Protein backbone atom coordinates (compact mmCIF):
# COMPACT_ATOMS: atom_id res chain seq x y z
CA MET A 1 -44.18 -8.95 -45.75
CA ALA A 2 -45.87 -12.35 -47.12
CA MET A 3 -47.26 -14.66 -44.67
CA LEU A 4 -44.87 -17.67 -44.63
CA ASN A 5 -45.60 -20.98 -43.21
CA THR A 6 -42.44 -21.29 -41.27
CA SER A 7 -41.98 -23.44 -37.99
CA HIS A 8 -39.33 -25.39 -36.09
CA PRO A 9 -39.52 -28.82 -34.49
CA PHE A 10 -38.12 -27.40 -31.30
CA GLY A 11 -40.13 -24.09 -31.18
CA LEU A 12 -41.45 -22.88 -27.78
CA ILE A 13 -44.36 -25.42 -27.33
CA PRO A 14 -42.60 -28.46 -28.32
CA SER A 15 -39.66 -27.37 -26.21
CA LEU A 16 -41.89 -26.86 -23.14
CA ILE A 17 -43.49 -30.42 -23.87
CA LEU A 18 -40.27 -32.26 -24.37
CA SER A 19 -38.54 -30.65 -21.31
CA ALA A 20 -41.52 -31.29 -18.95
CA GLY A 21 -41.67 -34.94 -20.30
CA LEU A 22 -38.08 -35.51 -19.48
CA GLY A 23 -38.33 -33.97 -16.19
CA ALA A 24 -41.22 -36.33 -15.21
CA ILE A 25 -39.38 -39.24 -16.52
CA CYS A 26 -36.47 -38.64 -14.36
CA VAL A 27 -38.66 -38.17 -11.37
CA LEU A 28 -40.56 -41.43 -12.11
CA ILE A 29 -37.35 -43.42 -12.46
CA GLN A 30 -36.19 -42.31 -9.14
CA LEU A 31 -39.65 -43.10 -7.54
CA ARG A 32 -39.46 -46.58 -9.35
CA MET A 33 -42.84 -45.99 -10.68
CA TRP A 34 -42.43 -48.18 -13.73
CA TRP A 35 -45.96 -48.26 -15.03
CA TRP A 36 -46.36 -44.58 -14.72
CA LEU A 37 -42.98 -44.08 -16.44
CA LEU A 38 -44.16 -46.13 -19.41
CA ALA A 39 -47.30 -44.20 -19.71
CA VAL A 40 -45.47 -40.89 -19.58
CA VAL A 41 -43.11 -42.15 -22.29
CA VAL A 42 -46.03 -43.25 -24.54
CA ILE A 43 -48.02 -40.09 -23.81
CA LEU A 44 -44.84 -37.78 -24.55
CA ALA A 45 -44.33 -39.51 -27.72
CA VAL A 46 -47.84 -39.05 -28.89
CA VAL A 47 -47.99 -35.46 -27.95
CA ILE A 48 -44.84 -34.62 -29.65
CA TYR A 49 -45.94 -36.46 -32.78
CA LEU A 50 -49.12 -34.54 -32.96
CA ALA A 51 -47.64 -30.99 -31.94
CA VAL A 52 -44.73 -31.13 -34.32
CA PRO A 53 -46.02 -31.44 -38.19
CA ARG A 54 -44.03 -33.96 -39.95
CA LYS A 55 -42.69 -31.57 -42.55
CA ASP A 56 -40.99 -29.68 -39.87
CA TRP A 57 -38.70 -32.56 -38.98
CA ASN A 58 -36.90 -32.05 -42.18
CA ALA A 59 -35.52 -28.58 -42.51
CA GLY A 60 -34.98 -29.01 -46.25
CA LEU A 61 -31.47 -27.47 -45.79
CA GLU A 62 -27.98 -28.32 -46.92
CA SER A 63 -24.86 -26.61 -46.52
CA SER A 64 -21.72 -26.20 -48.83
CA ARG A 65 -19.87 -24.58 -45.86
CA LEU A 66 -17.57 -26.30 -43.39
CA PRO A 67 -19.40 -26.43 -40.00
CA LEU A 68 -17.43 -24.19 -38.18
CA ASP A 69 -18.11 -21.35 -40.73
CA ILE A 70 -21.54 -21.08 -39.29
CA GLN A 71 -21.62 -22.88 -36.06
CA GLY A 72 -19.03 -21.11 -34.27
CA SER A 73 -17.17 -22.79 -31.35
CA TRP A 74 -17.71 -26.23 -30.19
CA LYS A 75 -18.32 -24.61 -26.91
CA ASP A 76 -21.68 -23.59 -27.97
CA ASN A 77 -22.85 -27.28 -27.66
CA LEU A 78 -21.82 -27.51 -24.09
CA ILE A 79 -25.22 -25.93 -23.05
CA PHE A 80 -26.74 -29.48 -23.87
CA LEU A 81 -24.94 -30.81 -20.94
CA LEU A 82 -26.86 -28.50 -18.49
CA PRO A 83 -29.58 -31.26 -17.58
CA PHE A 84 -26.91 -34.01 -16.76
CA PRO A 85 -25.88 -32.83 -13.35
CA PHE A 86 -29.63 -33.13 -12.27
CA ILE A 87 -29.80 -36.61 -13.74
CA ALA A 88 -26.52 -37.92 -12.68
CA PHE A 89 -26.87 -36.79 -8.99
CA SER A 90 -30.59 -37.42 -8.82
CA GLY A 91 -29.98 -40.27 -6.34
CA ILE A 92 -27.85 -38.00 -3.97
CA ILE A 93 -30.67 -35.39 -4.26
CA TYR A 94 -33.29 -37.69 -3.18
CA GLN A 95 -31.02 -38.94 -0.16
CA ALA A 96 -30.20 -35.38 0.80
CA LEU A 97 -33.59 -33.66 0.59
CA PRO A 98 -37.16 -34.36 1.70
CA ALA A 99 -39.01 -36.27 -0.84
CA ALA A 100 -41.35 -33.47 -2.08
CA LEU A 101 -38.35 -31.06 -2.41
CA ALA A 102 -36.23 -33.71 -4.14
CA ILE A 103 -39.05 -34.20 -6.71
CA ALA A 104 -39.28 -30.45 -7.39
CA VAL A 105 -35.58 -30.02 -7.62
CA THR A 106 -35.13 -33.05 -10.03
CA PHE A 107 -38.24 -31.98 -12.30
CA PHE A 108 -37.66 -28.37 -12.66
CA GLY A 109 -33.74 -28.80 -12.77
CA VAL A 110 -33.96 -31.14 -15.71
CA ALA A 111 -36.98 -29.59 -17.41
CA GLY A 112 -35.53 -26.09 -16.99
CA ALA A 113 -32.06 -27.08 -18.19
CA LEU A 114 -33.28 -28.79 -21.16
CA PHE A 115 -35.65 -26.11 -22.13
CA ILE A 116 -32.84 -23.41 -21.83
CA ALA A 117 -30.67 -25.80 -24.09
CA LEU A 118 -33.46 -26.33 -26.77
CA ARG A 119 -34.15 -22.70 -26.94
CA SER A 120 -30.58 -21.57 -27.31
CA ALA A 121 -30.12 -24.14 -30.20
CA HIS A 122 -33.20 -22.64 -31.72
CA SER A 123 -31.97 -19.02 -31.34
CA ARG A 124 -28.44 -19.88 -32.39
CA SER A 125 -29.79 -20.68 -36.16
CA HIS A 126 -31.17 -16.97 -36.27
CA LYS A 127 -27.58 -15.72 -35.02
CA GLU A 128 -26.06 -17.77 -37.73
CA THR A 129 -28.26 -16.24 -40.36
CA THR A 130 -27.68 -12.74 -38.92
CA ALA A 131 -23.78 -13.30 -39.09
CA LEU A 132 -23.92 -14.60 -42.82
CA VAL A 133 -26.16 -11.65 -43.72
CA SER A 134 -23.71 -9.12 -42.09
CA GLN A 135 -20.84 -10.73 -43.76
CA ALA A 136 -22.55 -10.59 -47.04
CA LEU A 137 -23.25 -6.78 -46.61
CA ALA A 138 -19.53 -6.22 -45.78
CA ASP A 139 -18.57 -7.98 -48.79
CA THR A 140 -20.70 -6.17 -51.36
CA SER A 141 -21.42 -2.62 -52.37
CA PRO A 142 -24.52 -0.58 -52.61
CA THR A 143 -23.70 -0.11 -56.18
CA GLU A 144 -24.39 -3.65 -56.90
CA ALA A 145 -28.15 -3.05 -56.12
CA THR A 146 -28.81 -1.92 -59.72
CA ALA A 147 -32.26 -0.76 -60.78
CA GLU A 148 -32.82 -4.07 -62.93
CA ARG A 149 -31.97 -6.17 -59.81
CA LEU A 150 -34.27 -4.03 -57.36
CA ASP A 151 -37.22 -4.60 -59.92
CA VAL A 152 -36.31 -8.41 -60.10
CA ALA A 153 -36.26 -8.44 -56.06
CA ALA A 154 -39.73 -6.50 -55.83
CA GLU A 155 -41.22 -9.05 -58.34
CA HIS A 156 -40.08 -12.20 -56.47
CA ARG A 157 -40.28 -10.61 -52.83
CA THR A 158 -41.88 -13.76 -51.28
CA ILE A 159 -39.13 -16.06 -52.49
CA LEU A 160 -36.44 -13.73 -51.02
CA GLU A 161 -38.37 -13.41 -47.79
CA ALA A 162 -38.63 -17.19 -47.48
CA LEU A 163 -35.08 -17.84 -48.09
CA LEU A 164 -34.04 -15.29 -45.28
CA ALA A 165 -36.68 -16.93 -43.03
CA VAL A 166 -35.11 -20.37 -43.19
CA GLY A 167 -31.53 -19.23 -43.27
CA ALA A 168 -30.64 -20.11 -46.74
CA VAL A 169 -28.01 -17.47 -47.20
CA ASP A 170 -24.61 -17.77 -48.98
CA GLY A 171 -23.84 -21.39 -48.96
CA ILE A 172 -26.64 -22.57 -46.68
CA ARG A 173 -29.24 -23.98 -49.20
CA VAL A 174 -32.75 -25.00 -48.92
CA ARG A 175 -34.69 -27.45 -51.19
CA VAL A 176 -37.37 -26.26 -53.69
CA TRP A 177 -39.87 -28.33 -51.99
CA LYS A 178 -39.42 -26.69 -48.79
CA LEU A 179 -39.71 -23.25 -50.37
CA ALA A 180 -42.86 -24.34 -51.97
CA ASP A 181 -44.13 -25.58 -48.56
CA ILE A 182 -43.53 -22.29 -46.88
CA THR A 183 -44.54 -19.95 -49.56
CA GLY A 184 -47.81 -21.89 -50.58
CA LEU A 185 -46.36 -21.85 -54.35
CA SER A 186 -46.10 -24.99 -56.47
CA ALA A 187 -42.73 -26.50 -57.12
CA GLU A 188 -42.92 -25.30 -60.64
CA GLN A 189 -43.73 -21.71 -59.73
CA VAL A 190 -40.62 -21.71 -57.23
CA LYS A 191 -38.44 -23.08 -60.02
CA GLU A 192 -39.64 -20.33 -62.32
CA GLU A 193 -39.21 -17.53 -59.79
CA THR A 194 -35.65 -18.73 -58.67
CA THR A 195 -34.60 -19.07 -62.27
CA GLU A 196 -35.31 -15.37 -62.80
CA LEU A 197 -33.60 -14.56 -59.48
CA TYR A 198 -30.61 -16.69 -60.53
CA ARG A 199 -30.30 -14.81 -63.87
CA ALA A 200 -30.13 -11.44 -61.85
CA GLY A 201 -27.54 -12.77 -59.73
CA LEU A 202 -29.71 -12.65 -56.53
CA VAL A 203 -29.74 -16.35 -55.79
CA GLY A 204 -27.48 -19.49 -56.26
CA VAL A 205 -29.16 -22.74 -57.59
CA SER A 206 -27.65 -26.29 -57.42
CA THR A 207 -28.96 -29.40 -59.23
CA PHE A 208 -26.07 -31.48 -58.13
CA ASP A 209 -27.88 -34.51 -56.75
CA SER A 210 -31.43 -33.65 -58.13
CA GLY A 211 -31.62 -35.37 -61.41
CA ASP A 212 -34.80 -34.49 -63.18
CA ASP A 213 -36.51 -33.83 -59.87
CA ILE A 214 -37.08 -30.02 -59.49
CA THR A 215 -38.24 -30.25 -55.99
CA ARG A 216 -34.68 -31.30 -54.85
CA HIS A 217 -33.00 -28.31 -56.49
CA LEU A 218 -31.12 -26.29 -53.79
CA VAL A 219 -31.34 -22.46 -53.57
CA ASP A 220 -29.60 -19.85 -51.48
CA LEU A 221 -29.45 -16.20 -51.29
CA SER A 222 -26.38 -14.84 -52.77
CA LYS A 223 -24.26 -12.13 -51.18
CA ILE A 224 -25.53 -9.65 -54.03
CA GLY A 225 -29.13 -10.90 -53.01
CA VAL A 226 -28.67 -9.87 -49.62
CA ARG A 227 -27.35 -6.44 -50.55
CA VAL A 228 -30.31 -5.84 -52.95
CA THR A 229 -33.03 -6.99 -50.30
CA GLU A 230 -31.33 -4.59 -47.83
CA GLU A 231 -31.00 -1.68 -50.30
CA ALA A 232 -34.74 -2.14 -51.39
CA GLY A 233 -36.03 -2.21 -47.82
CA LEU A 234 -37.87 -5.30 -48.75
CA ILE A 235 -36.49 -7.44 -45.81
CA LYS A 236 -35.15 -5.96 -42.52
CA VAL A 237 -31.82 -7.72 -42.16
């Protein structure tokens, strides 16, 4: 498998930093340590800025699907409410518990709850990709993985791996500039390879809002493309 330059703005380390920072902010607010609060906010902003590459804030993804097609129930988003009881009742916590214990409960409660929420959101994208891949396999037949398509897939393996890595499957589409960034290829090379994959029916390509800018072309792995990669054993799906 090719080495792809993929990352996420709320991967493990950024999630830890943001969670700990918010926990510290809540503690300092309760202690009314305003100058320390300002210092923590500034430091947190600088650390997040340095820890997360600018390119990772833009996933380069667009969806032609309805949100519920891939995001599941609205209940999935309730996990982001986990930190709020610790924030809302922090005053009561400080009145009911000794100072040291109250600080610990507030910090670890807020930080832990936010960390769980961020990691859940991060893992959900992988679950969504898995669901789309499973549906594509259910909707296609092994006979669609012809010898010609298998040859094309083998020739352009890196692009196919990149599409799956970012979740650009069956209606979830990624910009050419993002594919170029994570594969290390030029936009022109990505365009050439995706054109060949498109001709074989392995990917979809949209130029709807791109004009003459090839870097803004949108690409997604088609259902047949998923079937071919699975049959070829190029990618574990």
